[in-house]
Amino acid sequence: MAPKTVTRCALLSSLLLLAIVTHSEAKFGKIKETNMVFYMHDIETGTNATAIPVAGIPNKRWWILGFGTVYAVDEPLTEQYDQNSTQVGRAHGIYVNSALDGSDLHFLMSLVFTNKAFNGSTLEIQGADRFYQKYREVSVVSGTGKFRLARGYAILETVYLDLVNFNAIIRWNLTVYHY
């Protein structure tokens, strides 16, 4: 008698799961894949800084290579390497140096799009930026607007680095799946 009950429960669970998946597909449509390449301009010095330290370890220098330093960012995202090229959006959020040796940033940011194709839509980014590596990968964990229910990843590559002032240009190669 017990094996029949288990079989019926498994069958009922499978049918329920199928109904949920079918309903989701009908409500949201087919999943789309969007690929984008853009450049983030990380300026940490001067009067037009786009990333500033807002917290850190007391009595220690607050800087990008210092463990525990928290930065607030509002960085332009452009179509090309040149900061004066067409802006596609801005990166708003924080990053924290989360490695004792100073080699790792933890990103928590919203990519807020202002271009015609995705104006007002956002992507939420989270992950470890091991900035000493040539290529790094962070996660797309959600989105809004045209990126509702998004998931995906971005490959980051530093294409310009000013070690004296810690200014950088980072190329984002982003793949996102959304409805």
N, C-alpha and C. Protein backbone atom coordinates (compact mmCIF):
# COMPACT_ATOMS: atom_id res chain seq x y z
N MET A 1 0.82 -1.19 0.00
CA MET A 1 0.00 0.00 0.00
C MET A 1 0.87 1.27 0.00
N ALA A 2 1.97 1.29 0.76
CA ALA A 2 2.85 2.45 0.83
C ALA A 2 3.48 2.81 -0.51
N PRO A 3 3.95 1.83 -1.32
CA PRO A 3 4.54 2.19 -2.61
C PRO A 3 3.55 2.91 -3.52
N LYS A 4 2.25 2.54 -3.51
CA LYS A 4 1.27 3.23 -4.35
C LYS A 4 1.10 4.68 -3.91
N THR A 5 1.11 4.92 -2.60
CA THR A 5 0.98 6.28 -2.08
C THR A 5 2.16 7.14 -2.51
N VAL A 6 3.36 6.58 -2.41
CA VAL A 6 4.56 7.30 -2.82
C VAL A 6 4.49 7.62 -4.31
N THR A 7 4.09 6.65 -5.11
CA THR A 7 3.98 6.84 -6.56
C THR A 7 2.95 7.92 -6.88
N ARG A 8 1.81 7.88 -6.21
CA ARG A 8 0.78 8.89 -6.45
C ARG A 8 1.26 10.28 -6.05
N CYS A 9 1.96 10.38 -4.93
CA CYS A 9 2.50 11.68 -4.49
C CYS A 9 3.52 12.22 -5.50
N ALA A 10 4.37 11.34 -5.99
CA ALA A 10 5.37 11.75 -6.98
C ALA A 10 4.68 12.22 -8.26
N LEU A 11 3.67 11.50 -8.71
CA LEU A 11 2.93 11.86 -9.91
C LEU A 11 2.21 13.20 -9.72
N LEU A 12 1.57 13.38 -8.58
CA LEU A 12 0.87 14.63 -8.29
C LEU A 12 1.86 15.80 -8.24
N SER A 13 3.01 15.60 -7.62
CA SER A 13 4.04 16.64 -7.55
C SER A 13 4.53 17.02 -8.94
N SER A 14 4.74 16.02 -9.78
CA SER A 14 5.20 16.27 -11.16
C SER A 14 4.17 17.07 -11.94
N LEU A 15 2.90 16.72 -11.81
CA LEU A 15 1.84 17.44 -12.51
C LEU A 15 1.73 18.88 -12.02
N LEU A 16 1.87 19.09 -10.72
CA LEU A 16 1.83 20.43 -10.15
C LEU A 16 2.99 21.27 -10.68
N LEU A 17 4.18 20.70 -10.71
CA LEU A 17 5.35 21.40 -11.23
C LEU A 17 5.16 21.75 -12.70
N LEU A 18 4.65 20.84 -13.48
CA LEU A 18 4.39 21.09 -14.90
C LEU A 18 3.38 22.23 -15.07
N ALA A 19 2.37 22.28 -14.25
CA ALA A 19 1.37 23.36 -14.33
C ALA A 19 2.00 24.71 -14.01
N ILE A 20 2.87 24.75 -13.01
CA ILE A 20 3.54 26.00 -12.64
C ILE A 20 4.44 26.47 -13.77
N VAL A 21 5.24 25.59 -14.32
CA VAL A 21 6.15 25.94 -15.41
C VAL A 21 5.36 26.42 -16.62
N THR A 22 4.30 25.73 -16.97
CA THR A 22 3.47 26.11 -18.11
C THR A 22 2.84 27.48 -17.89
N HIS A 23 2.36 27.74 -16.68
CA HIS A 23 1.76 29.04 -16.37
C HIS A 23 2.81 30.14 -16.48
N SER A 24 4.02 29.91 -15.96
CA SER A 24 5.09 30.91 -16.03
C SER A 24 5.43 31.22 -17.47
N GLU A 25 5.55 30.21 -18.30
CA GLU A 25 5.88 30.39 -19.72
C GLU A 25 4.79 31.21 -20.40
N ALA A 26 3.53 30.92 -20.10
CA ALA A 26 2.42 31.64 -20.72
C ALA A 26 2.39 33.09 -20.27
N LYS A 27 2.70 33.34 -19.01
CA LYS A 27 2.62 34.69 -18.47
C LYS A 27 3.76 35.58 -18.97
N PHE A 28 4.98 35.08 -18.99
CA PHE A 28 6.14 35.89 -19.32
C PHE A 28 6.64 35.72 -20.75
N GLY A 29 6.25 34.68 -21.44
CA GLY A 29 6.73 34.46 -22.80
C GLY A 29 8.06 33.74 -22.80
N LYS A 30 8.72 33.78 -23.93
CA LYS A 30 10.00 33.08 -24.10
C LYS A 30 11.14 33.89 -23.48
N ILE A 31 12.13 33.18 -23.01
CA ILE A 31 13.33 33.83 -22.47
C ILE A 31 14.14 34.41 -23.62
N LYS A 32 14.60 35.66 -23.42
CA LYS A 32 15.44 36.35 -24.41
C LYS A 32 16.87 36.38 -23.90
N GLU A 33 17.81 36.40 -24.81
CA GLU A 33 19.23 36.59 -24.47
C GLU A 33 19.66 37.93 -25.03
N THR A 34 20.24 38.77 -24.17
CA THR A 34 20.77 40.06 -24.59
C THR A 34 22.25 40.10 -24.27
N ASN A 35 23.06 40.51 -25.25
CA ASN A 35 24.50 40.67 -25.07
C ASN A 35 24.86 42.13 -25.26
N MET A 36 25.68 42.66 -24.38
CA MET A 36 26.10 44.06 -24.45
C MET A 36 27.57 44.17 -24.11
N VAL A 37 28.21 45.16 -24.70
CA VAL A 37 29.57 45.53 -24.33
C VAL A 37 29.54 47.03 -24.05
N PHE A 38 30.08 47.43 -22.90
CA PHE A 38 30.18 48.85 -22.57
C PHE A 38 31.37 49.04 -21.64
N TYR A 39 31.68 50.29 -21.34
CA TYR A 39 32.86 50.64 -20.55
C TYR A 39 32.45 51.44 -19.32
N MET A 40 32.97 51.04 -18.17
CA MET A 40 32.72 51.73 -16.91
C MET A 40 33.95 52.56 -16.57
N HIS A 41 33.73 53.85 -16.29
CA HIS A 41 34.83 54.77 -15.99
C HIS A 41 34.89 54.99 -14.48
N ASP A 42 35.90 54.39 -13.86
CA ASP A 42 36.09 54.40 -12.41
C ASP A 42 37.12 55.47 -12.08
N ILE A 43 36.66 56.64 -11.62
CA ILE A 43 37.54 57.77 -11.33
C ILE A 43 37.55 57.99 -9.82
N GLU A 44 38.69 57.75 -9.19
CA GLU A 44 38.77 57.82 -7.73
C GLU A 44 39.47 59.07 -7.21
N THR A 45 39.94 59.92 -8.11
CA THR A 45 40.64 61.13 -7.67
C THR A 45 40.13 62.34 -8.45
N GLY A 46 40.41 63.52 -7.92
CA GLY A 46 40.04 64.75 -8.60
C GLY A 46 38.65 65.22 -8.24
N THR A 47 38.26 66.35 -8.84
CA THR A 47 36.97 66.96 -8.53
C THR A 47 35.80 66.22 -9.16
N ASN A 48 36.06 65.39 -10.16
CA ASN A 48 34.98 64.64 -10.82
C ASN A 48 35.03 63.16 -10.46
N ALA A 49 35.42 62.85 -9.24
CA ALA A 49 35.51 61.45 -8.80
C ALA A 49 34.14 60.79 -8.90
N THR A 50 34.14 59.54 -9.36
CA THR A 50 32.90 58.77 -9.47
C THR A 50 32.85 57.64 -8.45
N ALA A 51 33.92 57.46 -7.70
CA ALA A 51 34.00 56.44 -6.65
C ALA A 51 34.74 57.06 -5.47
N ILE A 52 34.09 57.06 -4.30
CA ILE A 52 34.72 57.67 -3.13
C ILE A 52 34.63 56.72 -1.93
N PRO A 53 35.69 56.70 -1.10
CA PRO A 53 35.62 55.87 0.10
C PRO A 53 34.68 56.51 1.12
N VAL A 54 33.79 55.70 1.69
CA VAL A 54 32.82 56.21 2.66
C VAL A 54 32.96 55.56 4.03
N ALA A 55 33.73 54.48 4.12
CA ALA A 55 33.95 53.80 5.40
C ALA A 55 35.20 52.94 5.29
N GLY A 56 35.77 52.66 6.44
CA GLY A 56 36.95 51.82 6.47
C GLY A 56 37.37 51.53 7.91
N ILE A 57 38.52 50.93 8.06
CA ILE A 57 39.05 50.60 9.38
C ILE A 57 39.56 51.88 10.03
N PRO A 58 39.13 52.18 11.26
CA PRO A 58 39.58 53.39 11.94
C PRO A 58 41.11 53.44 12.05
N ASN A 59 41.64 54.63 11.88
CA ASN A 59 43.08 54.90 11.99
C ASN A 59 43.92 54.20 10.93
N LYS A 60 43.29 53.76 9.85
CA LYS A 60 44.01 53.19 8.71
C LYS A 60 43.60 53.97 7.47
N ARG A 61 44.47 53.95 6.47
CA ARG A 61 44.18 54.64 5.21
C ARG A 61 42.99 53.98 4.51
N TRP A 62 42.02 54.81 4.09
CA TRP A 62 40.89 54.32 3.30
C TRP A 62 41.27 54.45 1.83
N TRP A 63 41.50 53.33 1.19
CA TRP A 63 41.86 53.33 -0.23
C TRP A 63 41.47 52.01 -0.85
N ILE A 64 41.49 51.96 -2.15
CA ILE A 64 40.97 50.81 -2.89
C ILE A 64 41.69 49.51 -2.53
N LEU A 65 42.95 49.57 -2.16
CA LEU A 65 43.70 48.36 -1.83
C LEU A 65 43.68 48.03 -0.35
N GLY A 66 42.90 48.78 0.43
CA GLY A 66 42.85 48.56 1.87
C GLY A 66 41.67 47.69 2.28
N PHE A 67 41.97 46.59 2.93
CA PHE A 67 40.93 45.68 3.43
C PHE A 67 39.92 46.46 4.27
N GLY A 68 38.64 46.23 4.02
CA GLY A 68 37.58 46.86 4.80
C GLY A 68 37.12 48.21 4.28
N THR A 69 37.77 48.75 3.26
CA THR A 69 37.35 50.04 2.72
C THR A 69 36.09 49.86 1.86
N VAL A 70 35.11 50.72 2.12
CA VAL A 70 33.84 50.69 1.39
C VAL A 70 33.77 51.93 0.50
N TYR A 71 33.45 51.73 -0.76
CA TYR A 71 33.32 52.82 -1.73
C TYR A 71 31.87 52.96 -2.17
N ALA A 72 31.40 54.20 -2.30
CA ALA A 72 30.14 54.50 -2.97
C ALA A 72 30.49 54.89 -4.40
N VAL A 73 29.72 54.37 -5.37
CA VAL A 73 30.04 54.63 -6.77
C VAL A 73 28.82 55.15 -7.53
N ASP A 74 29.10 56.04 -8.46
CA ASP A 74 28.13 56.54 -9.45
C ASP A 74 28.95 56.76 -10.71
N GLU A 75 29.13 55.69 -11.48
CA GLU A 75 30.10 55.69 -12.57
C GLU A 75 29.41 55.62 -13.93
N PRO A 76 29.88 56.44 -14.89
CA PRO A 76 29.28 56.40 -16.22
C PRO A 76 29.61 55.10 -16.95
N LEU A 77 28.62 54.63 -17.72
CA LEU A 77 28.78 53.48 -18.60
C LEU A 77 28.65 54.02 -20.02
N THR A 78 29.68 53.81 -20.84
CA THR A 78 29.68 54.37 -22.19
C THR A 78 29.82 53.28 -23.25
N GLU A 79 29.42 53.62 -24.47
CA GLU A 79 29.51 52.67 -25.58
C GLU A 79 30.94 52.35 -25.96
N GLN A 80 31.82 53.33 -25.83
CA GLN A 80 33.22 53.18 -26.25
C GLN A 80 34.15 53.46 -25.08
N TYR A 81 35.42 53.21 -25.31
CA TYR A 81 36.49 53.44 -24.34
C TYR A 81 36.55 54.91 -23.91
N ASP A 82 36.30 55.81 -24.84
CA ASP A 82 36.36 57.26 -24.60
C ASP A 82 35.21 57.69 -23.69
N GLN A 83 35.53 58.39 -22.62
CA GLN A 83 34.51 58.81 -21.66
C GLN A 83 33.49 59.75 -22.30
N ASN A 84 33.86 60.41 -23.38
CA ASN A 84 32.94 61.33 -24.06
C ASN A 84 32.04 60.63 -25.08
N SER A 85 32.17 59.32 -25.23
CA SER A 85 31.29 58.59 -26.15
C SER A 85 29.89 58.50 -25.54
N THR A 86 28.95 58.02 -26.32
CA THR A 86 27.55 57.95 -25.89
C THR A 86 27.40 57.15 -24.60
N GLN A 87 26.71 57.76 -23.65
CA GLN A 87 26.48 57.10 -22.37
C GLN A 87 25.27 56.17 -22.49
N VAL A 88 25.42 54.93 -21.99
CA VAL A 88 24.31 53.97 -22.01
C VAL A 88 23.65 53.85 -20.64
N GLY A 89 24.32 54.35 -19.61
CA GLY A 89 23.76 54.27 -18.26
C GLY A 89 24.79 54.64 -17.22
N ARG A 90 24.47 54.27 -15.97
CA ARG A 90 25.38 54.54 -14.86
C ARG A 90 25.38 53.33 -13.94
N ALA A 91 26.51 53.13 -13.28
CA ALA A 91 26.63 52.07 -12.27
C ALA A 91 26.52 52.74 -10.90
N HIS A 92 25.47 52.42 -10.16
CA HIS A 92 25.25 52.96 -8.82
C HIS A 92 25.39 51.84 -7.81
N GLY A 93 26.11 52.09 -6.73
CA GLY A 93 26.19 51.07 -5.70
C GLY A 93 27.42 51.22 -4.83
N ILE A 94 27.88 50.07 -4.36
CA ILE A 94 29.05 50.05 -3.48
C ILE A 94 29.98 48.91 -3.89
N TYR A 95 31.25 49.10 -3.58
CA TYR A 95 32.14 47.95 -3.56
C TYR A 95 33.01 48.03 -2.32
N VAL A 96 33.34 46.85 -1.83
CA VAL A 96 34.06 46.71 -0.57
C VAL A 96 35.32 45.90 -0.83
N ASN A 97 36.46 46.37 -0.33
CA ASN A 97 37.65 45.53 -0.42
C ASN A 97 37.50 44.46 0.66
N SER A 98 37.31 43.23 0.21
CA SER A 98 36.93 42.16 1.13
C SER A 98 37.99 41.07 1.27
N ALA A 99 39.22 41.36 0.86
CA ALA A 99 40.30 40.38 1.01
C ALA A 99 41.37 40.96 1.94
N LEU A 100 41.83 40.15 2.86
CA LEU A 100 42.85 40.62 3.81
C LEU A 100 44.07 41.18 3.10
N ASP A 101 44.44 40.58 1.95
CA ASP A 101 45.61 41.06 1.22
C ASP A 101 45.27 42.20 0.25
N GLY A 102 44.01 42.65 0.25
CA GLY A 102 43.61 43.79 -0.58
C GLY A 102 43.34 43.48 -2.04
N SER A 103 43.27 42.21 -2.40
CA SER A 103 43.21 41.83 -3.82
C SER A 103 41.81 41.56 -4.36
N ASP A 104 40.78 41.84 -3.60
CA ASP A 104 39.44 41.43 -4.03
C ASP A 104 38.41 42.47 -3.62
N LEU A 105 37.59 42.89 -4.57
CA LEU A 105 36.47 43.78 -4.28
C LEU A 105 35.18 42.98 -4.36
N HIS A 106 34.25 43.28 -3.48
CA HIS A 106 32.92 42.68 -3.59
C HIS A 106 32.00 43.76 -4.15
N PHE A 107 31.39 43.49 -5.31
CA PHE A 107 30.49 44.43 -5.99
C PHE A 107 29.05 44.21 -5.55
N LEU A 108 28.36 45.29 -5.29
CA LEU A 108 26.90 45.31 -5.13
C LEU A 108 26.46 46.57 -5.86
N MET A 109 25.96 46.42 -7.08
CA MET A 109 25.61 47.63 -7.82
C MET A 109 24.44 47.40 -8.76
N SER A 110 23.80 48.53 -9.05
CA SER A 110 22.72 48.56 -10.03
C SER A 110 23.24 49.24 -11.28
N LEU A 111 23.08 48.58 -12.42
CA LEU A 111 23.36 49.21 -13.70
C LEU A 111 22.04 49.84 -14.14
N VAL A 112 22.00 51.16 -14.16
CA VAL A 112 20.79 51.91 -14.48
C VAL A 112 20.93 52.42 -15.91
N PHE A 113 20.13 51.86 -16.82
CA PHE A 113 20.28 52.19 -18.24
C PHE A 113 19.50 53.45 -18.60
N THR A 114 20.16 54.29 -19.42
CA THR A 114 19.57 55.55 -19.88
C THR A 114 19.49 55.62 -21.40
N ASN A 115 19.99 54.60 -22.08
CA ASN A 115 19.95 54.60 -23.54
C ASN A 115 18.54 54.31 -24.04
N LYS A 116 18.31 54.55 -25.32
CA LYS A 116 16.96 54.40 -25.88
C LYS A 116 16.41 52.99 -25.73
N ALA A 117 17.24 51.99 -25.99
CA ALA A 117 16.77 50.60 -26.00
C ALA A 117 16.30 50.12 -24.63
N PHE A 118 16.97 50.55 -23.54
CA PHE A 118 16.67 50.00 -22.22
C PHE A 118 16.43 51.09 -21.17
N ASN A 119 16.04 52.28 -21.59
CA ASN A 119 15.89 53.42 -20.69
C ASN A 119 15.01 53.08 -19.49
N GLY A 120 15.55 53.32 -18.29
CA GLY A 120 14.81 53.06 -17.05
C GLY A 120 14.93 51.65 -16.51
N SER A 121 15.43 50.74 -17.32
CA SER A 121 15.62 49.35 -16.87
C SER A 121 16.91 49.25 -16.07
N THR A 122 16.97 48.27 -15.18
CA THR A 122 18.17 48.07 -14.37
C THR A 122 18.58 46.61 -14.36
N LEU A 123 19.86 46.40 -14.08
CA LEU A 123 20.39 45.07 -13.79
C LEU A 123 21.12 45.14 -12.47
N GLU A 124 20.90 44.15 -11.62
CA GLU A 124 21.55 44.08 -10.32
C GLU A 124 22.75 43.16 -10.42
N ILE A 125 23.91 43.67 -10.01
CA ILE A 125 25.18 42.96 -10.13
C ILE A 125 25.70 42.63 -8.74
N GLN A 126 26.22 41.43 -8.59
CA GLN A 126 26.84 41.04 -7.33
C GLN A 126 27.97 40.08 -7.63
N GLY A 127 29.06 40.19 -6.87
CA GLY A 127 30.12 39.22 -7.03
C GLY A 127 31.49 39.75 -6.67
N ALA A 128 32.45 38.86 -6.77
CA ALA A 128 33.83 39.16 -6.44
C ALA A 128 34.56 39.66 -7.67
N ASP A 129 35.15 40.85 -7.56
CA ASP A 129 35.98 41.40 -8.63
C ASP A 129 37.43 41.24 -8.20
N ARG A 130 38.04 40.17 -8.64
CA ARG A 130 39.45 39.90 -8.33
C ARG A 130 40.30 40.69 -9.32
N PHE A 131 40.45 41.99 -9.02
CA PHE A 131 40.94 42.94 -10.01
C PHE A 131 42.37 42.72 -10.47
N TYR A 132 43.13 41.84 -9.84
CA TYR A 132 44.48 41.53 -10.33
C TYR A 132 44.44 40.52 -11.48
N GLN A 133 43.29 39.89 -11.70
CA GLN A 133 43.17 38.96 -12.82
C GLN A 133 42.78 39.72 -14.08
N LYS A 134 43.25 39.22 -15.23
CA LYS A 134 42.93 39.89 -16.49
C LYS A 134 41.43 39.91 -16.74
N TYR A 135 40.77 38.77 -16.57
CA TYR A 135 39.32 38.66 -16.76
C TYR A 135 38.69 38.22 -15.45
N ARG A 136 37.58 38.87 -15.09
CA ARG A 136 36.84 38.52 -13.89
C ARG A 136 35.37 38.34 -14.27
N GLU A 137 34.66 37.58 -13.48
CA GLU A 137 33.25 37.33 -13.76
C GLU A 137 32.41 37.68 -12.54
N VAL A 138 31.35 38.45 -12.77
CA VAL A 138 30.38 38.77 -11.72
C VAL A 138 29.00 38.33 -12.19
N SER A 139 28.08 38.20 -11.25
CA SER A 139 26.74 37.69 -11.55
C SER A 139 25.73 38.80 -11.78
N VAL A 140 24.83 38.56 -12.72
CA VAL A 140 23.61 39.35 -12.84
C VAL A 140 22.57 38.58 -12.04
N VAL A 141 22.07 39.18 -10.96
CA VAL A 141 21.18 38.44 -10.06
C VAL A 141 19.71 38.81 -10.22
N SER A 142 19.41 39.94 -10.85
CA SER A 142 18.01 40.29 -11.13
C SER A 142 17.98 41.53 -12.00
N GLY A 143 16.78 41.99 -12.29
CA GLY A 143 16.63 43.18 -13.11
C GLY A 143 15.23 43.73 -13.03
N THR A 144 15.04 44.92 -13.62
CA THR A 144 13.73 45.55 -13.67
C THR A 144 13.46 46.04 -15.09
N GLY A 145 12.23 46.47 -15.33
CA GLY A 145 11.86 46.99 -16.65
C GLY A 145 12.00 45.92 -17.71
N LYS A 146 12.73 46.21 -18.76
CA LYS A 146 12.92 45.25 -19.85
C LYS A 146 13.77 44.05 -19.43
N PHE A 147 14.38 44.13 -18.25
CA PHE A 147 15.21 43.03 -17.74
C PHE A 147 14.54 42.32 -16.56
N ARG A 148 13.23 42.37 -16.50
CA ARG A 148 12.51 41.72 -15.40
C ARG A 148 12.88 40.24 -15.32
N LEU A 149 13.13 39.76 -14.12
CA LEU A 149 13.51 38.37 -13.83
C LEU A 149 14.84 37.98 -14.48
N ALA A 150 15.73 38.93 -14.64
CA ALA A 150 17.01 38.68 -15.32
C ALA A 150 17.94 37.80 -14.49
N ARG A 151 18.80 37.11 -15.21
CA ARG A 151 19.92 36.39 -14.62
C ARG A 151 20.99 36.34 -15.71
N GLY A 152 22.24 36.19 -15.28
CA GLY A 152 23.31 36.16 -16.27
C GLY A 152 24.65 36.41 -15.63
N TYR A 153 25.56 36.94 -16.45
CA TYR A 153 26.92 37.17 -15.97
C TYR A 153 27.56 38.28 -16.80
N ALA A 154 28.63 38.83 -16.25
CA ALA A 154 29.43 39.82 -16.97
C ALA A 154 30.90 39.45 -16.80
N ILE A 155 31.63 39.54 -17.89
CA ILE A 155 33.08 39.37 -17.87
C ILE A 155 33.67 40.77 -17.84
N LEU A 156 34.49 41.05 -16.83
CA LEU A 156 35.11 42.36 -16.68
C LEU A 156 36.58 42.28 -17.08
N GLU A 157 37.04 43.32 -17.77
CA GLU A 157 38.45 43.41 -18.15
C GLU A 157 38.90 44.86 -17.97
N THR A 158 39.96 45.07 -17.21
CA THR A 158 40.50 46.42 -17.05
C THR A 158 41.30 46.74 -18.31
N VAL A 159 40.85 47.77 -19.04
CA VAL A 159 41.52 48.15 -20.29
C VAL A 159 42.40 49.38 -20.10
N TYR A 160 42.25 50.07 -18.98
CA TYR A 160 43.11 51.21 -18.64
C TYR A 160 43.23 51.24 -17.13
N LEU A 161 44.46 51.45 -16.65
CA LEU A 161 44.68 51.54 -15.21
C LEU A 161 45.77 52.56 -14.93
N ASP A 162 45.43 53.58 -14.14
CA ASP A 162 46.36 54.60 -13.68
C ASP A 162 46.69 54.23 -12.23
N LEU A 163 47.84 53.58 -12.03
CA LEU A 163 48.21 53.09 -10.69
C LEU A 163 48.52 54.20 -9.70
N VAL A 164 48.91 55.37 -10.19
CA VAL A 164 49.20 56.49 -9.28
C VAL A 164 47.92 57.01 -8.64
N ASN A 165 46.89 57.20 -9.46
CA ASN A 165 45.63 57.77 -8.97
C ASN A 165 44.52 56.74 -8.77
N PHE A 166 44.77 55.49 -9.15
CA PHE A 166 43.79 54.40 -9.06
C PHE A 166 42.52 54.70 -9.85
N ASN A 167 42.70 55.28 -11.03
CA ASN A 167 41.60 55.47 -11.97
C ASN A 167 41.65 54.33 -12.97
N ALA A 168 40.49 53.90 -13.44
CA ALA A 168 40.46 52.75 -14.35
C ALA A 168 39.29 52.85 -15.32
N ILE A 169 39.44 52.16 -16.44
CA ILE A 169 38.34 51.94 -17.37
C ILE A 169 38.17 50.43 -17.48
N ILE A 170 36.96 49.98 -17.24
CA ILE A 170 36.68 48.54 -17.22
C ILE A 170 35.69 48.20 -18.32
N ARG A 171 36.09 47.26 -19.15
CA ARG A 171 35.22 46.79 -20.24
C ARG A 171 34.31 45.70 -19.68
N TRP A 172 33.01 45.85 -19.88
CA TRP A 172 32.01 44.87 -19.47
C TRP A 172 31.51 44.14 -20.70
N ASN A 173 31.59 42.83 -20.69
CA ASN A 173 30.98 42.00 -21.73
C ASN A 173 29.88 41.22 -21.01
N LEU A 174 28.65 41.65 -21.22
CA LEU A 174 27.53 41.18 -20.40
C LEU A 174 26.59 40.28 -21.21
N THR A 175 26.20 39.18 -20.60
CA THR A 175 25.19 38.28 -21.17
C THR A 175 24.08 38.15 -20.14
N VAL A 176 22.85 38.47 -20.56
CA VAL A 176 21.73 38.42 -19.63
C VAL A 176 20.55 37.70 -20.29
N TYR A 177 19.88 36.88 -19.49
CA TYR A 177 18.68 36.16 -19.91
C TYR A 177 17.50 36.78 -19.16
N HIS A 178 16.45 37.11 -19.89
CA HIS A 178 15.31 37.80 -19.29
C HIS A 178 14.06 37.55 -20.13
N TYR A 179 12.92 37.98 -19.61
CA TYR A 179 11.65 37.82 -20.34
C TYR A 179 11.31 39.08 -21.08
